[in-house]
N, C-alpha and C. Protein backbone atom coordinates (compact mmCIF):
# COMPACT_ATOMS: atom_id res chain seq x y z
N MET A 1 106.33 -72.67 94.36
CA MET A 1 105.35 -71.77 93.81
C MET A 1 105.73 -70.36 94.08
N ALA A 2 105.70 -69.48 93.10
CA ALA A 2 106.19 -68.15 93.27
C ALA A 2 104.98 -67.28 93.74
N GLN A 3 105.24 -66.65 94.85
CA GLN A 3 104.32 -65.75 95.51
C GLN A 3 104.42 -64.43 94.78
N LYS A 4 103.27 -63.67 94.68
CA LYS A 4 103.43 -62.35 94.17
C LYS A 4 103.53 -61.33 95.39
N ILE A 5 104.29 -60.30 95.14
CA ILE A 5 104.42 -59.39 96.22
C ILE A 5 104.03 -57.94 95.71
N THR A 6 103.55 -57.14 96.68
CA THR A 6 103.32 -55.79 96.29
C THR A 6 104.11 -54.90 97.23
N LEU A 7 104.63 -53.78 96.74
CA LEU A 7 105.25 -52.82 97.65
C LEU A 7 104.91 -51.37 97.24
N THR A 8 105.06 -50.54 98.24
CA THR A 8 104.84 -49.13 98.05
C THR A 8 106.12 -48.53 97.50
N LYS A 9 106.08 -47.30 96.98
CA LYS A 9 107.32 -46.58 96.58
C LYS A 9 108.20 -46.40 97.77
N GLU A 10 107.60 -46.10 98.94
CA GLU A 10 108.45 -45.95 100.08
C GLU A 10 109.21 -47.18 100.49
N VAL A 11 108.58 -48.36 100.38
CA VAL A 11 109.30 -49.55 100.71
C VAL A 11 110.26 -49.90 99.63
N GLU A 12 109.98 -49.57 98.37
CA GLU A 12 110.98 -49.85 97.28
C GLU A 12 112.18 -48.97 97.57
N ASP A 13 112.04 -47.68 97.97
CA ASP A 13 113.20 -46.87 98.42
C ASP A 13 113.96 -47.37 99.57
N LEU A 14 113.14 -47.92 100.48
CA LEU A 14 113.83 -48.46 101.71
C LEU A 14 114.73 -49.68 101.34
N LEU A 15 114.18 -50.51 100.39
CA LEU A 15 115.00 -51.74 99.89
C LEU A 15 116.27 -51.24 99.19
N LYS A 16 116.10 -50.31 98.35
CA LYS A 16 117.30 -49.74 97.64
C LYS A 16 118.37 -49.26 98.60
N GLY A 17 117.97 -48.50 99.64
CA GLY A 17 118.89 -48.00 100.67
C GLY A 17 119.52 -49.05 101.40
N ARG A 18 118.87 -50.26 101.49
CA ARG A 18 119.45 -51.34 102.36
C ARG A 18 120.13 -52.38 101.49
N GLY A 19 120.20 -52.11 100.23
CA GLY A 19 120.94 -53.01 99.28
C GLY A 19 120.09 -54.32 98.97
N LEU A 20 118.82 -54.25 99.09
CA LEU A 20 118.07 -55.38 98.74
C LEU A 20 117.22 -55.14 97.50
N SER A 21 116.86 -56.17 96.82
CA SER A 21 116.03 -55.96 95.58
C SER A 21 114.67 -56.58 95.83
N LYS A 22 113.78 -56.18 94.93
CA LYS A 22 112.40 -56.78 95.00
C LYS A 22 112.52 -58.26 94.91
N ASP A 23 113.46 -58.78 93.97
CA ASP A 23 113.57 -60.27 93.84
C ASP A 23 114.10 -60.88 95.19
N ASP A 24 115.01 -60.20 95.89
CA ASP A 24 115.41 -60.72 97.19
C ASP A 24 114.21 -61.04 98.11
N VAL A 25 113.44 -59.95 98.15
CA VAL A 25 112.18 -59.99 99.02
C VAL A 25 111.26 -61.11 98.57
N ALA A 26 111.10 -61.22 97.28
CA ALA A 26 110.25 -62.29 96.75
C ALA A 26 110.78 -63.59 97.18
N GLN A 27 112.07 -63.81 97.02
CA GLN A 27 112.76 -65.12 97.45
C GLN A 27 112.46 -65.40 98.89
N VAL A 28 112.59 -64.36 99.77
CA VAL A 28 112.32 -64.63 101.13
C VAL A 28 110.87 -65.11 101.32
N VAL A 29 109.87 -64.40 100.78
CA VAL A 29 108.58 -64.73 100.96
C VAL A 29 108.21 -66.18 100.39
N ASP A 30 108.84 -66.53 99.23
CA ASP A 30 108.64 -67.82 98.65
C ASP A 30 109.10 -68.92 99.58
N ASP A 31 110.39 -68.73 100.11
CA ASP A 31 110.91 -69.72 100.96
C ASP A 31 110.13 -69.86 102.26
N VAL A 32 109.81 -68.76 102.82
CA VAL A 32 109.04 -68.72 104.16
C VAL A 32 107.72 -69.40 104.01
N GLU A 33 107.05 -69.09 102.97
CA GLU A 33 105.71 -69.59 102.67
C GLU A 33 105.76 -71.13 102.43
N ALA A 34 106.90 -71.51 101.82
CA ALA A 34 107.05 -73.03 101.60
C ALA A 34 107.41 -73.80 102.91
N THR A 35 108.30 -73.19 103.67
CA THR A 35 108.79 -73.95 104.85
C THR A 35 107.97 -73.57 106.09
N LYS A 36 107.17 -72.53 106.10
CA LYS A 36 106.40 -71.98 107.34
C LYS A 36 107.30 -71.62 108.45
N LYS A 37 108.59 -71.51 108.19
CA LYS A 37 109.48 -71.02 109.28
C LYS A 37 109.43 -69.50 109.34
N LYS A 38 108.44 -69.03 110.22
CA LYS A 38 108.21 -67.59 110.31
C LYS A 38 107.64 -67.35 111.63
N PHE A 39 107.56 -65.99 112.02
CA PHE A 39 106.97 -65.56 113.20
C PHE A 39 105.73 -64.81 112.67
N TYR A 40 104.72 -64.72 113.57
CA TYR A 40 103.45 -64.15 113.29
C TYR A 40 103.17 -62.99 114.31
N LEU A 41 102.67 -61.88 113.88
CA LEU A 41 102.26 -60.81 114.76
C LEU A 41 100.72 -60.74 114.67
N PRO A 42 100.01 -61.42 115.46
CA PRO A 42 98.55 -61.59 115.43
C PRO A 42 97.74 -60.23 115.39
N LYS A 43 98.16 -59.27 116.27
CA LYS A 43 97.41 -58.09 116.27
C LYS A 43 97.51 -57.21 114.97
N GLU A 44 98.58 -57.42 114.18
CA GLU A 44 98.77 -56.67 112.88
C GLU A 44 98.62 -57.59 111.69
N ASN A 45 98.39 -58.91 111.90
CA ASN A 45 98.40 -59.84 110.76
C ASN A 45 99.64 -59.75 109.92
N LYS A 46 100.79 -59.72 110.51
CA LYS A 46 102.04 -59.66 109.76
C LYS A 46 102.88 -60.82 110.09
N TYR A 47 103.74 -61.18 109.15
CA TYR A 47 104.72 -62.26 109.26
C TYR A 47 106.15 -61.65 109.16
N LEU A 48 107.03 -62.45 109.86
CA LEU A 48 108.51 -62.15 109.76
C LEU A 48 109.15 -63.40 109.32
N GLY A 49 110.03 -63.28 108.22
CA GLY A 49 110.75 -64.40 107.76
C GLY A 49 112.04 -64.04 107.26
N LYS A 50 112.89 -65.09 107.06
CA LYS A 50 114.34 -64.80 106.60
C LYS A 50 114.75 -65.91 105.68
N LYS A 51 115.81 -65.55 104.94
CA LYS A 51 116.40 -66.52 104.01
C LYS A 51 117.93 -66.01 103.83
N ILE A 52 118.84 -66.95 103.71
CA ILE A 52 120.08 -66.57 103.40
C ILE A 52 120.24 -66.50 101.83
N ILE A 53 120.61 -65.35 101.37
CA ILE A 53 120.77 -65.10 99.99
C ILE A 53 122.27 -64.57 99.75
N GLY A 54 123.08 -65.50 99.15
CA GLY A 54 124.44 -65.12 98.98
C GLY A 54 125.13 -65.01 100.37
N ASN A 55 125.74 -63.97 100.69
CA ASN A 55 126.36 -63.73 101.93
C ASN A 55 125.49 -62.84 102.86
N VAL A 56 124.22 -62.69 102.59
CA VAL A 56 123.30 -61.86 103.38
C VAL A 56 122.15 -62.64 103.95
N THR A 57 121.83 -62.48 105.17
CA THR A 57 120.56 -63.01 105.74
C THR A 57 119.58 -61.96 105.53
N ALA A 58 118.55 -62.17 104.58
CA ALA A 58 117.62 -61.15 104.33
C ALA A 58 116.34 -61.45 105.01
N TYR A 59 115.71 -60.45 105.55
CA TYR A 59 114.53 -60.51 106.43
C TYR A 59 113.36 -59.75 105.67
N THR A 60 112.14 -60.28 105.77
CA THR A 60 110.97 -59.55 105.25
C THR A 60 109.83 -59.50 106.23
N ILE A 61 109.17 -58.38 106.40
CA ILE A 61 108.02 -58.32 107.13
C ILE A 61 106.85 -58.07 106.14
N TYR A 62 105.90 -58.99 106.22
CA TYR A 62 104.86 -58.87 105.14
C TYR A 62 103.61 -59.37 105.65
N SER A 63 102.44 -59.21 104.91
CA SER A 63 101.09 -59.53 105.17
C SER A 63 100.41 -60.14 104.05
N PRO A 64 99.48 -61.07 104.27
CA PRO A 64 98.69 -61.53 103.11
C PRO A 64 97.75 -60.40 102.73
N THR A 65 97.36 -60.42 101.37
CA THR A 65 96.43 -59.53 100.90
C THR A 65 95.09 -60.26 100.66
N THR A 66 94.09 -59.60 100.11
CA THR A 66 92.89 -60.30 99.85
C THR A 66 92.96 -61.21 98.58
N GLU A 67 94.02 -60.94 97.79
CA GLU A 67 94.23 -61.82 96.70
C GLU A 67 95.08 -63.09 97.04
N LYS A 68 94.65 -64.10 96.44
CA LYS A 68 95.32 -65.47 96.83
C LYS A 68 96.76 -65.34 96.36
N ASP A 69 97.76 -65.72 97.24
CA ASP A 69 99.13 -65.86 96.98
C ASP A 69 99.74 -64.44 96.57
N VAL A 70 99.22 -63.38 97.07
CA VAL A 70 99.74 -62.04 96.96
C VAL A 70 100.01 -61.46 98.38
N PHE A 71 101.16 -60.97 98.50
CA PHE A 71 101.66 -60.48 99.82
C PHE A 71 102.13 -59.03 99.78
N ALA A 72 101.67 -58.32 100.77
CA ALA A 72 102.12 -56.82 100.82
C ALA A 72 103.38 -56.79 101.69
N ILE A 73 104.40 -56.23 101.12
CA ILE A 73 105.68 -55.99 101.89
C ILE A 73 105.69 -54.75 102.64
N HIS A 74 105.97 -54.81 103.97
CA HIS A 74 106.04 -53.68 104.89
C HIS A 74 107.47 -53.16 105.10
N SER A 75 108.42 -54.11 105.20
CA SER A 75 109.77 -53.77 105.36
C SER A 75 110.62 -54.92 105.01
N ALA A 76 111.93 -54.63 104.85
CA ALA A 76 112.92 -55.67 104.63
C ALA A 76 114.24 -55.15 105.01
N TYR A 77 115.12 -56.06 105.49
CA TYR A 77 116.48 -55.67 105.94
C TYR A 77 117.31 -56.87 105.93
N GLY A 78 118.59 -56.72 106.21
CA GLY A 78 119.52 -57.78 106.06
C GLY A 78 120.85 -57.55 106.93
N HIS A 79 121.62 -58.55 107.09
CA HIS A 79 122.91 -58.46 107.68
C HIS A 79 123.82 -59.57 107.15
N LYS A 80 125.14 -59.27 107.19
CA LYS A 80 126.12 -60.24 106.65
C LYS A 80 126.60 -61.10 107.77
N ILE A 81 126.39 -60.71 109.00
CA ILE A 81 126.83 -61.53 110.16
C ILE A 81 125.97 -62.78 110.25
N ARG A 82 126.62 -63.93 110.31
CA ARG A 82 125.87 -65.23 110.29
C ARG A 82 125.37 -65.54 111.75
N MET A 83 124.17 -65.94 111.84
CA MET A 83 123.55 -66.31 113.05
C MET A 83 123.93 -67.79 113.26
N LYS A 84 124.25 -68.03 114.53
CA LYS A 84 124.54 -69.41 114.91
C LYS A 84 123.42 -69.85 115.80
N GLU A 85 123.71 -69.92 117.13
CA GLU A 85 122.70 -70.57 118.05
C GLU A 85 122.20 -69.60 119.11
N PRO A 86 121.00 -69.67 119.54
CA PRO A 86 120.53 -68.86 120.65
C PRO A 86 121.33 -69.34 121.89
N VAL A 87 121.88 -68.46 122.56
CA VAL A 87 122.74 -68.82 123.80
C VAL A 87 121.99 -68.62 125.03
N ARG A 88 121.17 -67.65 125.10
CA ARG A 88 120.48 -67.38 126.37
C ARG A 88 119.08 -66.78 126.06
N LEU A 89 118.09 -67.48 126.61
CA LEU A 89 116.71 -67.07 126.47
C LEU A 89 116.25 -66.45 127.72
N ILE A 90 115.56 -65.34 127.62
CA ILE A 90 115.06 -64.53 128.70
C ILE A 90 113.49 -64.82 128.74
N THR A 91 113.16 -66.00 129.27
CA THR A 91 111.82 -66.53 129.20
C THR A 91 110.74 -65.52 129.71
N GLU A 92 111.13 -64.67 130.73
CA GLU A 92 110.07 -63.84 131.25
C GLU A 92 109.92 -62.52 130.40
N ASP A 93 110.82 -62.33 129.33
CA ASP A 93 110.61 -61.25 128.44
C ASP A 93 109.87 -61.65 127.11
N VAL A 94 108.62 -61.85 127.23
CA VAL A 94 107.71 -62.45 126.13
C VAL A 94 107.53 -61.31 125.10
N GLN A 95 107.62 -61.62 123.86
CA GLN A 95 107.38 -60.67 122.89
C GLN A 95 105.98 -60.78 122.19
N GLU A 96 105.62 -59.84 121.41
CA GLU A 96 104.35 -59.93 120.74
C GLU A 96 104.31 -60.92 119.51
N TRP A 97 105.59 -61.04 118.88
CA TRP A 97 105.72 -62.06 117.79
C TRP A 97 105.42 -63.52 118.44
N GLU A 98 104.89 -64.44 117.63
CA GLU A 98 104.81 -65.81 117.99
C GLU A 98 105.24 -66.63 116.85
N CYS A 99 105.74 -67.85 117.21
CA CYS A 99 106.24 -68.83 116.21
C CYS A 99 105.01 -69.36 115.42
N PHE A 100 104.94 -69.33 114.19
CA PHE A 100 103.81 -69.74 113.33
C PHE A 100 103.68 -71.23 113.47
N THR A 101 104.77 -72.01 113.61
CA THR A 101 104.67 -73.46 113.67
C THR A 101 104.28 -73.95 115.10
N CYS A 102 104.93 -73.43 116.08
CA CYS A 102 104.78 -73.89 117.50
C CYS A 102 103.70 -73.24 118.22
N LYS A 103 103.26 -72.04 117.71
CA LYS A 103 102.23 -71.19 118.33
C LYS A 103 102.63 -70.67 119.69
N GLN A 104 103.98 -70.61 119.93
CA GLN A 104 104.42 -70.07 121.18
C GLN A 104 104.93 -68.68 120.99
N LYS A 105 104.73 -67.88 122.00
CA LYS A 105 105.25 -66.54 121.95
C LYS A 105 106.84 -66.51 121.98
N ALA A 106 107.38 -65.55 121.14
CA ALA A 106 108.81 -65.54 121.16
C ALA A 106 109.23 -64.86 122.37
N VAL A 107 110.46 -65.10 122.73
CA VAL A 107 111.10 -64.48 123.88
C VAL A 107 112.42 -63.76 123.46
N SER A 108 112.79 -62.81 124.25
CA SER A 108 114.08 -62.16 124.03
C SER A 108 115.23 -63.09 124.40
N GLY A 109 116.41 -62.77 123.95
CA GLY A 109 117.51 -63.55 124.29
C GLY A 109 118.78 -63.09 123.62
N THR A 110 119.83 -63.81 123.62
CA THR A 110 121.01 -63.53 122.92
C THR A 110 121.26 -64.67 121.89
N ILE A 111 121.88 -64.33 120.73
CA ILE A 111 122.15 -65.21 119.75
C ILE A 111 123.60 -65.13 119.38
N ASP A 112 124.37 -66.22 119.27
CA ASP A 112 125.78 -66.10 118.77
C ASP A 112 125.68 -65.76 117.28
N MET A 113 126.59 -64.85 116.99
CA MET A 113 126.73 -64.26 115.64
C MET A 113 128.19 -64.43 115.24
N GLU A 114 128.56 -64.77 113.98
CA GLU A 114 129.84 -64.95 113.63
C GLU A 114 130.05 -64.05 112.32
N TYR A 115 131.25 -63.33 112.32
CA TYR A 115 131.57 -62.62 111.11
C TYR A 115 133.08 -62.46 111.02
N LEU A 116 133.67 -62.79 109.90
CA LEU A 116 135.09 -62.72 109.74
C LEU A 116 135.91 -63.42 110.77
N GLY A 117 135.38 -64.52 111.24
CA GLY A 117 136.06 -65.40 112.20
C GLY A 117 135.90 -64.91 113.67
N ILE A 118 135.07 -63.91 113.90
CA ILE A 118 134.80 -63.45 115.26
C ILE A 118 133.39 -63.74 115.63
N THR A 119 133.21 -64.36 116.86
CA THR A 119 131.98 -64.66 117.33
C THR A 119 131.56 -63.80 118.52
N ARG A 120 130.38 -63.15 118.48
CA ARG A 120 129.96 -62.31 119.55
C ARG A 120 128.41 -62.68 119.73
N ALA A 121 127.85 -62.29 120.80
CA ALA A 121 126.40 -62.48 121.05
C ALA A 121 125.70 -61.20 120.64
N ALA A 122 124.53 -61.31 120.12
CA ALA A 122 123.68 -60.10 119.77
C ALA A 122 122.28 -60.40 120.32
N PRO A 123 121.44 -59.29 120.63
CA PRO A 123 120.10 -59.50 121.07
C PRO A 123 119.24 -60.04 119.80
N GLY A 124 118.28 -60.91 120.19
CA GLY A 124 117.45 -61.37 119.24
C GLY A 124 116.19 -61.91 119.82
N ILE A 125 115.22 -62.45 119.01
CA ILE A 125 114.00 -63.08 119.60
C ILE A 125 113.93 -64.51 119.04
N THR A 126 113.50 -65.37 119.91
CA THR A 126 113.59 -66.77 119.72
C THR A 126 112.27 -67.52 120.17
N CYS A 127 111.94 -68.49 119.40
CA CYS A 127 110.83 -69.39 119.84
C CYS A 127 111.44 -70.35 120.92
N PRO A 128 110.91 -70.31 122.16
CA PRO A 128 111.51 -71.20 123.19
C PRO A 128 111.30 -72.68 122.94
N ASN A 129 110.46 -73.02 121.98
CA ASN A 129 110.29 -74.45 121.73
C ASN A 129 111.19 -74.94 120.67
N CYS A 130 111.10 -74.39 119.46
CA CYS A 130 111.92 -74.86 118.26
C CYS A 130 113.13 -74.10 118.07
N LYS A 131 113.37 -73.05 118.76
CA LYS A 131 114.59 -72.19 118.78
C LYS A 131 114.78 -71.49 117.42
N LEU A 132 113.61 -71.29 116.68
CA LEU A 132 113.73 -70.38 115.50
C LEU A 132 113.98 -69.02 115.98
N SER A 133 115.03 -68.32 115.40
CA SER A 133 115.44 -67.03 115.94
C SER A 133 115.57 -66.03 114.81
N PHE A 134 115.28 -64.72 115.23
CA PHE A 134 115.35 -63.64 114.35
C PHE A 134 116.15 -62.45 115.01
N ILE A 135 116.75 -61.69 114.22
CA ILE A 135 117.28 -60.36 114.73
C ILE A 135 116.33 -59.41 114.25
N GLU A 136 115.89 -58.44 115.22
CA GLU A 136 114.80 -57.47 114.85
C GLU A 136 115.47 -56.37 113.96
N GLU A 137 114.62 -55.66 113.24
CA GLU A 137 114.98 -54.68 112.32
C GLU A 137 115.94 -53.58 112.81
N ASP A 138 115.68 -53.03 114.08
CA ASP A 138 116.41 -51.96 114.55
C ASP A 138 117.78 -52.49 114.90
N ILE A 139 117.98 -53.61 115.35
CA ILE A 139 119.29 -54.25 115.69
C ILE A 139 120.05 -54.41 114.51
N ALA A 140 119.44 -55.03 113.44
CA ALA A 140 120.12 -55.38 112.20
C ALA A 140 120.49 -54.02 111.45
N THR A 141 119.69 -53.12 111.37
CA THR A 141 119.99 -51.82 110.57
C THR A 141 120.81 -50.86 111.31
N LYS A 142 121.04 -51.02 112.57
CA LYS A 142 121.81 -49.96 113.33
C LYS A 142 123.06 -50.76 113.85
N THR A 143 122.83 -51.55 114.86
CA THR A 143 123.91 -52.21 115.60
C THR A 143 124.86 -53.20 114.70
N LEU A 144 124.20 -54.01 113.95
CA LEU A 144 124.94 -55.02 113.12
C LEU A 144 125.68 -54.32 112.01
N VAL A 145 125.03 -53.33 111.46
CA VAL A 145 125.73 -52.61 110.33
C VAL A 145 126.96 -52.03 110.86
N ILE A 146 126.94 -51.38 112.05
CA ILE A 146 128.18 -50.81 112.54
C ILE A 146 129.23 -51.88 112.90
N ALA A 147 128.81 -52.93 113.52
CA ALA A 147 129.70 -54.08 113.76
C ALA A 147 130.37 -54.59 112.64
N GLU A 148 129.55 -54.78 111.56
CA GLU A 148 130.17 -55.27 110.24
C GLU A 148 131.22 -54.31 109.74
N THR A 149 130.91 -53.10 109.76
CA THR A 149 131.82 -52.03 109.21
C THR A 149 133.11 -52.04 110.03
N LEU A 150 133.06 -52.08 111.38
CA LEU A 150 134.19 -52.07 112.13
C LEU A 150 135.02 -53.31 111.97
N LEU A 151 134.36 -54.45 111.85
CA LEU A 151 135.17 -55.68 111.69
C LEU A 151 135.81 -55.68 110.21
N GLU A 152 135.16 -55.20 109.30
CA GLU A 152 135.78 -55.14 107.96
C GLU A 152 136.93 -54.19 107.90
N LYS A 153 136.79 -52.97 108.56
CA LYS A 153 137.99 -52.09 108.69
C LYS A 153 139.14 -52.73 109.40
N LYS A 154 138.83 -53.41 110.46
CA LYS A 154 139.90 -54.03 111.31
C LYS A 154 140.64 -55.02 110.49
N ARG A 155 139.89 -55.77 109.60
CA ARG A 155 140.44 -56.81 108.77
C ARG A 155 141.33 -56.23 107.70
N ALA A 156 141.00 -55.11 107.16
CA ALA A 156 141.58 -54.46 105.94
C ALA A 156 143.05 -54.02 106.30
């Protein structure tokens, strides 16, 4: 079932700057709403979901609207580095996000990431129960972008 999405001009511009399209974001929302593999931020009624599209893991932060099957997009971002497994959970560092399926608060930790044959750990948030993991926006849009660029230059 195709979900409808709405975005502000500001969010559209953000997507363009990050190399994502409205269609990419709609694909993420469709997949996440079908699988329910998402985190929930109760105090803001927002969801965080991801989907691999081509060679990019695309993330979307969104909320339901008052219209059925219509979602407001707040932000979207992505990275080319592939997530592997959470390697270390810091269970005492509880986050505001919670796993939609398990109803457990996410915790900070490190997640193995692989790009161009090199594996390194990066900070992320993970459900301690089902191990669903996400890279947060500031890490993806700053740290991982720099790492991708450096690895691509090194390989060239």
